[in-house]
Amino acid sequence: MILILAEPADPWATLVHRELLCRGEEDLFWIQRAQLLNRVLLNWPVETWSPLLPGSLVVDGTTKPLNDLTGVFARLSFPLLLELEDLSVQDRD
């Protein structure tokens, strides 16, 4: 699985996306800045006392183990400008 984190007009992201499609990459997700919190959920257990559980990403409702993540092409400017009023209580925390 490969994530492209970029705006749709980004020329480098477009080239990477085109090349990956030509290579037949099946698990390819292009996430735009404004869609990041709506489309991606990271499940990453951080408790040190519990047995080690594999983390996962949920992208557009599809759950994939973090072990399947083979690459990230990130061209977003961080930190993201977030309006806290637009977030759920859990995301604000």
Protein backbone atom coordinates (compact mmCIF):
# COMPACT_ATOMS: atom_id res chain seq x y z
CA MET A 1 0.00 0.00 0.00
CA ILE A 2 1.28 3.44 -0.93
CA LEU A 3 -0.12 6.76 0.29
CA ILE A 4 0.25 9.95 -1.71
CA LEU A 5 -0.37 12.96 0.53
CA ALA A 6 -0.54 15.92 -1.84
CA GLU A 7 -2.80 18.40 -3.52
CA PRO A 8 -4.25 17.40 -6.92
CA ALA A 9 -2.29 20.08 -8.78
CA ASP A 10 1.10 18.99 -7.40
CA PRO A 11 3.25 18.06 -10.43
CA TRP A 12 5.53 15.65 -8.54
CA ALA A 13 2.62 13.82 -6.98
CA THR A 14 1.02 13.54 -10.41
CA LEU A 15 4.18 11.99 -11.84
CA VAL A 16 4.53 9.55 -8.94
CA HIS A 17 0.86 8.59 -9.18
CA ARG A 18 1.08 8.03 -12.94
CA GLU A 19 4.21 5.89 -12.59
CA LEU A 20 2.71 3.75 -9.83
CA LEU A 21 -0.42 3.18 -11.90
CA CYS A 22 1.72 2.14 -14.88
CA ARG A 23 3.55 -0.34 -12.64
CA GLY A 24 0.23 -1.84 -11.59
CA GLU A 25 0.24 -0.74 -7.95
CA GLU A 26 -3.11 -1.89 -6.63
CA ASP A 27 -3.19 -0.36 -3.15
CA LEU A 28 -2.64 3.28 -4.02
CA PHE A 29 -4.41 6.08 -2.16
CA TRP A 30 -4.16 9.79 -3.00
CA ILE A 31 -5.17 11.89 0.00
CA GLN A 32 -5.55 15.66 -0.25
CA ARG A 33 -4.87 17.96 2.68
CA ALA A 34 -8.52 18.82 3.33
CA GLN A 35 -9.48 15.13 3.25
CA LEU A 36 -6.79 13.74 5.55
CA LEU A 37 -8.80 13.61 8.78
CA ASN A 38 -11.96 12.43 7.02
CA ARG A 39 -10.41 9.62 4.99
CA VAL A 40 -7.59 8.22 7.15
CA LEU A 41 -7.76 6.64 10.59
CA LEU A 42 -4.61 5.37 12.31
CA ASN A 43 -5.02 2.51 14.78
CA TRP A 44 -1.74 2.37 16.65
CA PRO A 45 -1.76 0.72 20.08
CA VAL A 46 0.59 2.57 22.42
CA GLU A 47 0.07 0.73 25.70
CA THR A 48 3.36 -0.74 26.87
CA TRP A 49 1.69 -3.18 29.27
CA SER A 50 -0.46 -4.95 26.69
CA PRO A 51 0.70 -7.58 24.23
CA LEU A 52 2.08 -6.09 21.06
CA LEU A 53 -0.78 -5.67 18.63
CA PRO A 54 -0.17 -4.77 15.01
CA GLY A 55 -1.32 -1.30 14.03
CA SER A 56 -3.50 -0.58 11.05
CA LEU A 57 -4.65 2.18 8.75
CA VAL A 58 -8.25 2.61 7.71
CA VAL A 59 -8.42 4.49 4.41
CA ASP A 60 -11.85 5.08 2.89
CA GLY A 61 -13.24 2.30 5.07
CA THR A 62 -10.62 -0.24 4.00
CA THR A 63 -8.50 -1.59 6.87
CA LYS A 64 -4.89 -2.42 6.06
CA PRO A 65 -2.18 -3.56 8.49
CA LEU A 66 0.65 -1.05 8.90
CA ASN A 67 2.98 -3.80 7.69
CA ASP A 68 1.34 -3.44 4.25
CA LEU A 69 2.37 0.23 4.05
CA THR A 70 5.35 0.20 1.69
CA GLY A 71 5.61 3.90 0.93
CA VAL A 72 4.40 7.42 1.60
CA PHE A 73 4.88 10.32 -0.80
CA ALA A 74 4.12 13.44 1.24
CA ARG A 75 3.96 16.91 -0.29
CA LEU A 76 1.63 18.60 2.21
CA SER A 77 2.66 21.58 4.26
CA PHE A 78 2.51 20.88 7.98
CA PRO A 79 1.21 21.73 10.48
CA LEU A 80 -2.25 21.44 9.03
CA LEU A 81 -4.44 24.43 9.70
CA LEU A 82 -7.25 22.97 11.75
CA GLU A 83 -10.33 24.58 13.16
CA LEU A 84 -10.85 22.89 16.51
CA GLU A 85 -14.58 23.59 16.38
CA ASP A 86 -14.85 21.33 13.30
CA LEU A 87 -13.26 18.33 15.10
CA SER A 88 -14.93 15.72 17.23
CA VAL A 89 -14.20 15.67 20.96
CA GLN A 90 -11.90 12.66 20.49
CA ASP A 91 -9.90 14.38 17.72
CA ARG A 92 -9.56 17.56 19.80
CA ASP A 93 -8.16 15.55 22.70
